[in-house]
Amino acid sequence: MTIFFKKFYAEVLKEILECPVCYELPKGIIAMCNEGHHICSNCMSLLKEKCPTCQRSYGSCRNYVAECFAVNLKISKALY
Protein backbone atom coordinates (compact mmCIF):
# COMPACT_ATOMS: atom_id res chain seq x y z
CA MET A 1 0.00 0.00 0.00
CA THR A 2 1.40 3.40 -0.94
CA ILE A 3 1.92 6.23 1.52
CA PHE A 4 -0.88 8.16 -0.22
CA PHE A 5 -3.41 5.41 0.49
CA LYS A 6 -2.18 4.97 4.06
CA LYS A 7 -2.67 8.69 4.69
CA PHE A 8 -6.06 8.62 2.94
CA TYR A 9 -7.33 5.71 5.04
CA ALA A 10 -5.93 7.28 8.21
CA GLU A 11 -7.87 10.48 7.44
CA VAL A 12 -11.09 8.56 6.73
CA LEU A 13 -10.68 6.61 9.96
CA LYS A 14 -10.08 9.84 11.89
CA GLU A 15 -13.32 11.30 10.53
CA ILE A 16 -15.22 8.19 11.60
CA LEU A 17 -13.69 8.08 15.07
CA GLU A 18 -13.72 11.77 15.95
CA CYS A 19 -16.05 12.88 18.72
CA PRO A 20 -19.23 14.50 17.31
CA VAL A 21 -19.09 17.18 20.03
CA CYS A 22 -15.45 18.37 20.20
CA TYR A 23 -14.34 16.93 16.81
CA GLU A 24 -11.15 15.57 18.38
CA LEU A 25 -9.78 12.05 18.16
CA PRO A 26 -10.88 10.50 21.47
CA LYS A 27 -8.30 9.75 24.13
CA GLY A 28 -8.92 6.93 26.57
CA ILE A 29 -12.44 5.60 27.02
CA ILE A 30 -14.90 5.92 24.15
CA ALA A 31 -18.51 5.58 25.28
CA MET A 32 -21.19 4.13 23.02
CA CYS A 33 -24.96 4.59 23.24
CA ASN A 34 -27.47 1.80 22.62
CA GLU A 35 -27.75 2.90 18.98
CA GLY A 36 -23.98 2.62 18.39
CA HIS A 37 -23.03 6.31 18.38
CA HIS A 38 -19.83 7.16 20.20
CA ILE A 39 -18.44 10.11 22.15
CA CYS A 40 -15.23 10.85 24.03
CA SER A 41 -15.25 10.53 27.80
CA ASN A 42 -14.58 14.27 28.31
CA CYS A 43 -17.66 15.31 26.34
CA MET A 44 -19.79 12.54 27.85
CA SER A 45 -19.21 13.96 31.33
CA LEU A 46 -20.37 17.38 30.08
CA LEU A 47 -23.54 16.06 28.42
CA LYS A 48 -24.81 14.06 31.42
CA GLU A 49 -24.83 10.71 29.62
CA LYS A 50 -27.17 11.68 26.76
CA CYS A 51 -26.08 10.93 23.21
CA PRO A 52 -25.80 14.17 21.19
CA THR A 53 -26.90 12.32 18.05
CA CYS A 54 -30.02 10.46 19.25
CA GLN A 55 -30.53 11.65 22.88
CA ARG A 56 -30.47 8.08 24.21
CA SER A 57 -28.62 7.01 27.33
CA TYR A 58 -25.00 5.85 27.27
CA GLY A 59 -25.14 3.60 30.32
CA SER A 60 -21.83 1.79 30.76
CA CYS A 61 -21.16 0.69 27.17
CA ARG A 62 -17.62 1.15 25.84
CA ASN A 63 -16.50 0.86 22.25
CA TYR A 64 -13.29 -1.14 22.61
CA VAL A 65 -12.80 -1.48 18.85
CA ALA A 66 -12.93 2.30 18.38
CA GLU A 67 -10.54 2.73 21.32
CA CYS A 68 -8.01 0.37 19.68
CA PHE A 69 -8.35 2.08 16.30
CA ALA A 70 -7.90 5.52 17.90
CA VAL A 71 -4.69 4.43 19.65
CA ASN A 72 -3.29 2.86 16.48
CA LEU A 73 -4.28 5.88 14.40
CA LYS A 74 -2.36 8.17 16.77
CA ILE A 75 0.69 5.92 16.43
CA SER A 76 0.48 5.77 12.62
CA LYS A 77 0.02 9.56 12.35
CA ALA A 78 3.18 10.01 14.42
CA LEU A 79 5.08 7.89 11.89
CA TYR A 80 4.11 10.02 8.86
PDB file of N, CA and C in Angstrom:
ATOM      1  N   MET A   1       0.845  -1.170   0.000  1.00  0.00           N
ATOM      2  CA  MET A   1       0.000   0.000   0.000  1.00  0.00           C
ATOM      3  C   MET A   1       0.899   1.244   0.000  1.00  0.00           C
ATOM      4  N   THR A   2       0.578   2.193  -0.840  1.00  0.00           N
ATOM      5  CA  THR A   2       1.398   3.398  -0.941  1.00  0.00           C
ATOM      6  C   THR A   2       1.154   4.333   0.240  1.00  0.00           C
ATOM      7  N   ILE A   3       2.067   5.256   0.432  1.00  0.00           N
ATOM      8  CA  ILE A   3       1.923   6.227   1.520  1.00  0.00           C
ATOM      9  C   ILE A   3       0.665   7.061   1.321  1.00  0.00           C
ATOM     10  N   PHE A   4       0.330   7.389   0.067  1.00  0.00           N
ATOM     11  CA  PHE A   4      -0.882   8.157  -0.220  1.00  0.00           C
ATOM     12  C   PHE A   4      -2.115   7.447   0.323  1.00  0.00           C
ATOM     13  N   PHE A   5      -2.245   6.152   0.028  1.00  0.00           N
ATOM     14  CA  PHE A   5      -3.412   5.409   0.486  1.00  0.00           C
ATOM     15  C   PHE A   5      -3.414   5.248   1.997  1.00  0.00           C
ATOM     16  N   LYS A   6      -2.250   5.070   2.601  1.00  0.00           N
ATOM     17  CA  LYS A   6      -2.184   4.972   4.058  1.00  0.00           C
ATOM     18  C   LYS A   6      -2.664   6.263   4.699  1.00  0.00           C
ATOM     19  N   LYS A   7      -2.232   7.395   4.159  1.00  0.00           N
ATOM     20  CA  LYS A   7      -2.673   8.687   4.694  1.00  0.00           C
ATOM     21  C   LYS A   7      -4.162   8.895   4.447  1.00  0.00           C
ATOM     22  N   PHE A   8      -4.639   8.483   3.267  1.00  0.00           N
ATOM     23  CA  PHE A   8      -6.056   8.617   2.938  1.00  0.00           C
ATOM     24  C   PHE A   8      -6.913   7.814   3.910  1.00  0.00           C
ATOM     25  N   TYR A   9      -6.558   6.547   4.124  1.00  0.00           N
ATOM     26  CA  TYR A   9      -7.327   5.707   5.037  1.00  0.00           C
ATOM     27  C   TYR A   9      -7.224   6.197   6.474  1.00  0.00           C
ATOM     28  N   ALA A  10      -6.079   6.720   6.862  1.00  0.00           N
ATOM     29  CA  ALA A  10      -5.928   7.284   8.208  1.00  0.00           C
ATOM     30  C   ALA A  10      -6.855   8.480   8.385  1.00  0.00           C
ATOM     31  N   GLU A  11      -6.984   9.313   7.358  1.00  0.00           N
ATOM     32  CA  GLU A  11      -7.866  10.479   7.444  1.00  0.00           C
ATOM     33  C   GLU A  11      -9.332  10.054   7.494  1.00  0.00           C
ATOM     34  N   VAL A  12      -9.711   9.067   6.701  1.00  0.00           N
ATOM     35  CA  VAL A  12     -11.087   8.556   6.728  1.00  0.00           C
ATOM     36  C   VAL A  12     -11.401   7.978   8.103  1.00  0.00           C
ATOM     37  N   LEU A  13     -10.480   7.198   8.646  1.00  0.00           N
ATOM     38  CA  LEU A  13     -10.678   6.609   9.964  1.00  0.00           C
ATOM     39  C   LEU A  13     -10.787   7.688  11.034  1.00  0.00           C
ATOM     40  N   LYS A  14     -10.001   8.741  10.932  1.00  0.00           N
ATOM     41  CA  LYS A  14     -10.075   9.843  11.892  1.00  0.00           C
ATOM     42  C   LYS A  14     -11.457  10.488  11.855  1.00  0.00           C
ATOM     43  N   GLU A  15     -11.988  10.704  10.656  1.00  0.00           N
ATOM     44  CA  GLU A  15     -13.315  11.305  10.525  1.00  0.00           C
ATOM     45  C   GLU A  15     -14.390  10.423  11.148  1.00  0.00           C
ATOM     46  N   ILE A  16     -14.251   9.117  11.022  1.00  0.00           N
ATOM     47  CA  ILE A  16     -15.223   8.187  11.598  1.00  0.00           C
ATOM     48  C   ILE A  16     -15.123   8.177  13.114  1.00  0.00           C
ATOM     49  N   LEU A  17     -13.903   8.215  13.635  1.00  0.00           N
ATOM     50  CA  LEU A  17     -13.689   8.083  15.072  1.00  0.00           C
ATOM     51  C   LEU A  17     -13.823   9.380  15.850  1.00  0.00           C
ATOM     52  N   GLU A  18     -13.725  10.523  15.194  1.00  0.00           N
ATOM     53  CA  GLU A  18     -13.719  11.772  15.955  1.00  0.00           C
ATOM     54  C   GLU A  18     -15.025  11.970  16.717  1.00  0.00           C
ATOM     55  N   CYS A  19     -14.901  12.608  17.860  1.00  0.00           N
ATOM     56  CA  CYS A  19     -16.050  12.876  18.724  1.00  0.00           C
ATOM     57  C   CYS A  19     -16.984  13.862  18.016  1.00  0.00           C
ATOM     58  N   PRO A  20     -18.303  13.604  17.992  1.00  0.00           N
ATOM     59  CA  PRO A  20     -19.230  14.504  17.310  1.00  0.00           C
ATOM     60  C   PRO A  20     -19.463  15.818  18.055  1.00  0.00           C
ATOM     61  N   VAL A  21     -18.916  15.948  19.256  1.00  0.00           N
ATOM     62  CA  VAL A  21     -19.087  17.178  20.030  1.00  0.00           C
ATOM     63  C   VAL A  21     -17.860  18.082  19.894  1.00  0.00           C
ATOM     64  N   CYS A  22     -16.676  17.548  20.214  1.00  0.00           N
ATOM     65  CA  CYS A  22     -15.449  18.366  20.195  1.00  0.00           C
ATOM     66  C   CYS A  22     -14.636  18.186  18.913  1.00  0.00           C
ATOM     67  N   TYR A  23     -15.007  17.221  18.081  1.00  0.00           N
ATOM     68  CA  TYR A  23     -14.336  16.933  16.806  1.00  0.00           C
ATOM     69  C   TYR A  23     -12.857  16.572  16.967  1.00  0.00           C
ATOM     70  N   GLU A  24     -12.509  16.036  18.126  1.00  0.00           N
ATOM     71  CA  GLU A  24     -11.149  15.568  18.384  1.00  0.00           C
ATOM     72  C   GLU A  24     -11.127  14.047  18.327  1.00  0.00           C
ATOM     73  N   LEU A  25      -9.962  13.493  18.074  1.00  0.00           N
ATOM     74  CA  LEU A  25      -9.784  12.050  18.158  1.00  0.00           C
ATOM     75  C   LEU A  25      -9.826  11.685  19.637  1.00  0.00           C
ATOM     76  N   PRO A  26     -10.743  10.808  20.051  1.00  0.00           N
ATOM     77  CA  PRO A  26     -10.883  10.496  21.472  1.00  0.00           C
ATOM     78  C   PRO A  26      -9.609   9.933  22.088  1.00  0.00           C
ATOM     79  N   LYS A  27      -9.414  10.285  23.342  1.00  0.00           N
ATOM     80  CA  LYS A  27      -8.303   9.755  24.127  1.00  0.00           C
ATOM     81  C   LYS A  27      -8.903   8.945  25.262  1.00  0.00           C
ATOM     82  N   GLY A  28      -8.414   7.754  25.467  1.00  0.00           N
ATOM     83  CA  GLY A  28      -8.922   6.934  26.570  1.00  0.00           C
ATOM     84  C   GLY A  28     -10.229   6.258  26.224  1.00  0.00           C
ATOM     85  N   ILE A  29     -11.157   6.303  27.158  1.00  0.00           N
ATOM     86  CA  ILE A  29     -12.437   5.597  27.020  1.00  0.00           C
ATOM     87  C   ILE A  29     -13.325   6.275  25.980  1.00  0.00           C
ATOM     88  N   ILE A  30     -13.914   5.455  25.110  1.00  0.00           N
ATOM     89  CA  ILE A  30     -14.899   5.924  24.145  1.00  0.00           C
ATOM     90  C   ILE A  30     -16.223   5.268  24.515  1.00  0.00           C
ATOM     91  N   ALA A  31     -17.189   6.090  24.893  1.00  0.00           N
ATOM     92  CA  ALA A  31     -18.507   5.584  25.277  1.00  0.00           C
ATOM     93  C   ALA A  31     -19.356   5.368  24.030  1.00  0.00           C
ATOM     94  N   MET A  32     -20.316   4.445  24.141  1.00  0.00           N
ATOM     95  CA  MET A  32     -21.186   4.131  23.016  1.00  0.00           C
ATOM     96  C   MET A  32     -22.618   4.018  23.525  1.00  0.00           C
ATOM     97  N   CYS A  33     -23.551   4.695  22.853  1.00  0.00           N
ATOM     98  CA  CYS A  33     -24.956   4.592  23.245  1.00  0.00           C
ATOM     99  C   CYS A  33     -25.550   3.287  22.706  1.00  0.00           C
ATOM    100  N   ASN A  34     -26.804   3.032  23.053  1.00  0.00           N
ATOM    101  CA  ASN A  34     -27.469   1.798  22.624  1.00  0.00           C
ATOM    102  C   ASN A  34     -27.669   1.729  21.112  1.00  0.00           C
ATOM    103  N   GLU A  35     -27.603   2.873  20.436  1.00  0.00           N
ATOM    104  CA  GLU A  35     -27.754   2.905  18.979  1.00  0.00           C
ATOM    105  C   GLU A  35     -26.416   2.782  18.248  1.00  0.00           C
ATOM    106  N   GLY A  36     -25.297   2.791  19.000  1.00  0.00           N
ATOM    107  CA  GLY A  36     -23.983   2.618  18.394  1.00  0.00           C
ATOM    108  C   GLY A  36     -23.206   3.894  18.156  1.00  0.00           C
ATOM    109  N   HIS A  37     -23.768   5.054  18.522  1.00  0.00           N
ATOM    110  CA  HIS A  37     -23.031   6.313  18.377  1.00  0.00           C
ATOM    111  C   HIS A  37     -21.990   6.408  19.477  1.00  0.00           C
ATOM    112  N   HIS A  38     -20.879   7.064  19.193  1.00  0.00           N
ATOM    113  CA  HIS A  38     -19.830   7.160  20.200  1.00  0.00           C
ATOM    114  C   HIS A  38     -19.508   8.615  20.532  1.00  0.00           C
ATOM    115  N   ILE A  39     -18.820   8.787  21.661  1.00  0.00           N
ATOM    116  CA  ILE A  39     -18.441  10.111  22.149  1.00  0.00           C
ATOM    117  C   ILE A  39     -17.237   9.939  23.067  1.00  0.00           C
ATOM    118  N   CYS A  40     -16.383  10.955  23.143  1.00  0.00           N
ATOM    119  CA  CYS A  40     -15.228  10.850  24.032  1.00  0.00           C
ATOM    120  C   CYS A  40     -15.675  11.014  25.487  1.00  0.00           C
ATOM    121  N   SER A  41     -14.872  10.506  26.386  1.00  0.00           N
ATOM    122  CA  SER A  41     -15.247  10.531  27.803  1.00  0.00           C
ATOM    123  C   SER A  41     -15.331  11.956  28.348  1.00  0.00           C
ATOM    124  N   ASN A  42     -14.506  12.876  27.842  1.00  0.00           N
ATOM    125  CA  ASN A  42     -14.579  14.265  28.306  1.00  0.00           C
ATOM    126  C   ASN A  42     -15.924  14.895  27.971  1.00  0.00           C
ATOM    127  N   CYS A  43     -16.379  14.730  26.754  1.00  0.00           N
ATOM    128  CA  CYS A  43     -17.660  15.306  26.338  1.00  0.00           C
ATOM    129  C   CYS A  43     -18.834  14.588  26.986  1.00  0.00           C
ATOM    130  N   MET A  44     -18.710  13.284  27.204  1.00  0.00           N
ATOM    131  CA  MET A  44     -19.788  12.539  27.845  1.00  0.00           C
ATOM    132  C   MET A  44     -20.060  13.089  29.240  1.00  0.00           C
ATOM    133  N   SER A  45     -19.013  13.430  29.980  1.00  0.00           N
ATOM    134  CA  SER A  45     -19.209  13.959  31.328  1.00  0.00           C
ATOM    135  C   SER A  45     -19.898  15.326  31.292  1.00  0.00           C
ATOM    136  N   LEU A  46     -19.718  16.072  30.211  1.00  0.00           N
ATOM    137  CA  LEU A  46     -20.369  17.375  30.083  1.00  0.00           C
ATOM    138  C   LEU A  46     -21.835  17.260  29.682  1.00  0.00           C
ATOM    139  N   LEU A  47     -22.178  16.204  28.949  1.00  0.00           N
ATOM    140  CA  LEU A  47     -23.540  16.063  28.419  1.00  0.00           C
ATOM    141  C   LEU A  47     -24.453  15.214  29.291  1.00  0.00           C
ATOM    142  N   LYS A  48     -24.006  14.820  30.451  1.00  0.00           N
ATOM    143  CA  LYS A  48     -24.813  14.062  31.417  1.00  0.00           C
ATOM    144  C   LYS A  48     -25.378  12.776  30.841  1.00  0.00           C
ATOM    145  N   GLU A  49     -24.531  12.058  30.116  1.00  0.00           N
ATOM    146  CA  GLU A  49     -24.830  10.715  29.625  1.00  0.00           C
ATOM    147  C   GLU A  49     -25.955  10.639  28.592  1.00  0.00           C
ATOM    148  N   LYS A  50     -26.201  11.713  27.857  1.00  0.00           N
ATOM    149  CA  LYS A  50     -27.168  11.681  26.758  1.00  0.00           C
ATOM    150  C   LYS A  50     -26.423  11.801  25.436  1.00  0.00           C
ATOM    151  N   CYS A  51     -26.722  10.927  24.523  1.00  0.00           N
ATOM    152  CA  CYS A  51     -26.083  10.934  23.211  1.00  0.00           C
ATOM    153  C   CYS A  51     -26.460  12.211  22.453  1.00  0.00           C
ATOM    154  N   PRO A  52     -25.478  12.956  21.929  1.00  0.00           N
ATOM    155  CA  PRO A  52     -25.803  14.174  21.189  1.00  0.00           C
ATOM    156  C   PRO A  52     -26.457  13.893  19.833  1.00  0.00           C
ATOM    157  N   THR A  53     -26.330  12.673  19.352  1.00  0.00           N
ATOM    158  CA  THR A  53     -26.897  12.316  18.055  1.00  0.00           C
ATOM    159  C   THR A  53     -28.351  11.875  18.160  1.00  0.00           C
ATOM    160  N   CYS A  54     -28.659  11.024  19.161  1.00  0.00           N
ATOM    161  CA  CYS A  54     -30.016  10.465  19.252  1.00  0.00           C
ATOM    162  C   CYS A  54     -30.700  10.705  20.598  1.00  0.00           C
ATOM    163  N   GLN A  55     -30.005  11.327  21.545  1.00  0.00           N
ATOM    164  CA  GLN A  55     -30.533  11.648  22.876  1.00  0.00           C
ATOM    165  C   GLN A  55     -30.820  10.431  23.751  1.00  0.00           C
ATOM    166  N   ARG A  56     -30.306   9.270  23.373  1.00  0.00           N
ATOM    167  CA  ARG A  56     -30.472   8.078  24.209  1.00  0.00           C
ATOM    168  C   ARG A  56     -29.377   8.021  25.256  1.00  0.00           C
ATOM    169  N   SER A  57     -29.563   7.152  26.224  1.00  0.00           N
ATOM    170  CA  SER A  57     -28.622   7.009  27.327  1.00  0.00           C
ATOM    171  C   SER A  57     -27.372   6.244  26.900  1.00  0.00           C
ATOM    172  N   TYR A  58     -26.239   6.574  27.519  1.00  0.00           N
ATOM    173  CA  TYR A  58     -25.002   5.847  27.273  1.00  0.00           C
ATOM    174  C   TYR A  58     -24.839   4.651  28.183  1.00  0.00           C
ATOM    175  N   GLY A  59     -25.330   4.705  29.395  1.00  0.00           N
ATOM    176  CA  GLY A  59     -25.136   3.600  30.321  1.00  0.00           C
ATOM    177  C   GLY A  59     -23.658   3.371  30.553  1.00  0.00           C
ATOM    178  N   SER A  60     -23.240   2.110  30.516  1.00  0.00           N
ATOM    179  CA  SER A  60     -21.830   1.791  30.762  1.00  0.00           C
ATOM    180  C   SER A  60     -21.174   1.105  29.559  1.00  0.00           C
ATOM    181  N   CYS A  61     -21.710   1.322  28.369  1.00  0.00           N
ATOM    182  CA  CYS A  61     -21.156   0.693  27.167  1.00  0.00           C
ATOM    183  C   CYS A  61     -19.899   1.418  26.708  1.00  0.00           C
ATOM    184  N   ARG A  62     -18.858   0.617  26.407  1.00  0.00           N
ATOM    185  CA  ARG A  62     -17.623   1.150  25.840  1.00  0.00           C
ATOM    186  C   ARG A  62     -17.437   0.571  24.450  1.00  0.00           C
ATOM    187  N   ASN A  63     -16.800   1.328  23.595  1.00  0.00           N
ATOM    188  CA  ASN A  63     -16.500   0.864  22.249  1.00  0.00           C
ATOM    189  C   ASN A  63     -15.010   0.531  22.180  1.00  0.00           C
ATOM    190  N   TYR A  64     -14.683  -0.709  22.559  1.00  0.00           N
ATOM    191  CA  TYR A  64     -13.288  -1.144  22.612  1.00  0.00           C
ATOM    192  C   TYR A  64     -12.623  -1.136  21.240  1.00  0.00           C
ATOM    193  N   VAL A  65     -13.369  -1.468  20.206  1.00  0.00           N
ATOM    194  CA  VAL A  65     -12.805  -1.480  18.854  1.00  0.00           C
ATOM    195  C   VAL A  65     -12.395  -0.060  18.455  1.00  0.00           C
ATOM    196  N   ALA A  66     -13.269   0.906  18.697  1.00  0.00           N
ATOM    197  CA  ALA A  66     -12.932   2.297  18.380  1.00  0.00           C
ATOM    198  C   ALA A  66     -11.745   2.774  19.204  1.00  0.00           C
ATOM    199  N   GLU A  67     -11.670   2.349  20.467  1.00  0.00           N
ATOM    200  CA  GLU A  67     -10.535   2.726  21.317  1.00  0.00           C
ATOM    201  C   GLU A  67      -9.223   2.202  20.732  1.00  0.00           C
ATOM    202  N   CYS A  68      -9.219   0.957  20.283  1.00  0.00           N
ATOM    203  CA  CYS A  68      -8.008   0.368  19.682  1.00  0.00           C
ATOM    204  C   CYS A  68      -7.635   1.079  18.387  1.00  0.00           C
ATOM    205  N   PHE A  69      -8.627   1.366  17.541  1.00  0.00           N
ATOM    206  CA  PHE A  69      -8.351   2.082  16.300  1.00  0.00           C
ATOM    207  C   PHE A  69      -7.796   3.475  16.586  1.00  0.00           C
ATOM    208  N   ALA A  70      -8.361   4.168  17.573  1.00  0.00           N
ATOM    209  CA  ALA A  70      -7.900   5.519  17.902  1.00  0.00           C
ATOM    210  C   ALA A  70      -6.443   5.503  18.355  1.00  0.00           C
ATOM    211  N   VAL A  71      -6.080   4.539  19.182  1.00  0.00           N
ATOM    212  CA  VAL A  71      -4.691   4.433  19.649  1.00  0.00           C
ATOM    213  C   VAL A  71      -3.765   4.153  18.474  1.00  0.00           C
ATOM    214  N   ASN A  72      -4.130   3.202  17.627  1.00  0.00           N
ATOM    215  CA  ASN A  72      -3.287   2.858  16.478  1.00  0.00           C
ATOM    216  C   ASN A  72      -3.213   3.990  15.461  1.00  0.00           C
ATOM    217  N   LEU A  73      -4.294   4.745  15.320  1.00  0.00           N
ATOM    218  CA  LEU A  73      -4.283   5.880  14.398  1.00  0.00           C
ATOM    219  C   LEU A  73      -3.320   6.951  14.893  1.00  0.00           C
ATOM    220  N   LYS A  74      -3.305   7.195  16.197  1.00  0.00           N
ATOM    221  CA  LYS A  74      -2.363   8.168  16.766  1.00  0.00           C
ATOM    222  C   LYS A  74      -0.927   7.729  16.520  1.00  0.00           C
ATOM    223  N   ILE A  75      -0.664   6.443  16.663  1.00  0.00           N
ATOM    224  CA  ILE A  75       0.687   5.917  16.433  1.00  0.00           C
ATOM    225  C   ILE A  75       1.066   6.063  14.965  1.00  0.00           C
ATOM    226  N   SER A  76       0.162   5.699  14.054  1.00  0.00           N
ATOM    227  CA  SER A  76       0.483   5.774  12.624  1.00  0.00           C
ATOM    228  C   SER A  76       0.651   7.218  12.169  1.00  0.00           C
ATOM    229  N   LYS A  77      -0.134   8.145  12.723  1.00  0.00           N
ATOM    230  CA  LYS A  77       0.018   9.556  12.354  1.00  0.00           C
ATOM    231  C   LYS A  77       1.369  10.088  12.813  1.00  0.00           C
ATOM    232  N   ALA A  78       1.874   9.578  13.920  1.00  0.00           N
ATOM    233  CA  ALA A  78       3.183  10.005  14.416  1.00  0.00           C
ATOM    234  C   ALA A  78       4.306   9.527  13.498  1.00  0.00           C
ATOM    235  N   LEU A  79       4.060   8.436  12.783  1.00  0.00           N
ATOM    236  CA  LEU A  79       5.081   7.889  11.888  1.00  0.00           C
ATOM    237  C   LEU A  79       5.175   8.648  10.567  1.00  0.00           C
ATOM    238  N   TYR A  80       4.111   9.333  10.165  1.00  0.00           N
ATOM    239  CA  TYR A  80       4.108  10.022   8.859  1.00  0.00           C
ATOM    240  C   TYR A  80       4.318  11.489   9.052  1.00  0.00           C
TER     241      TYR A  80
END
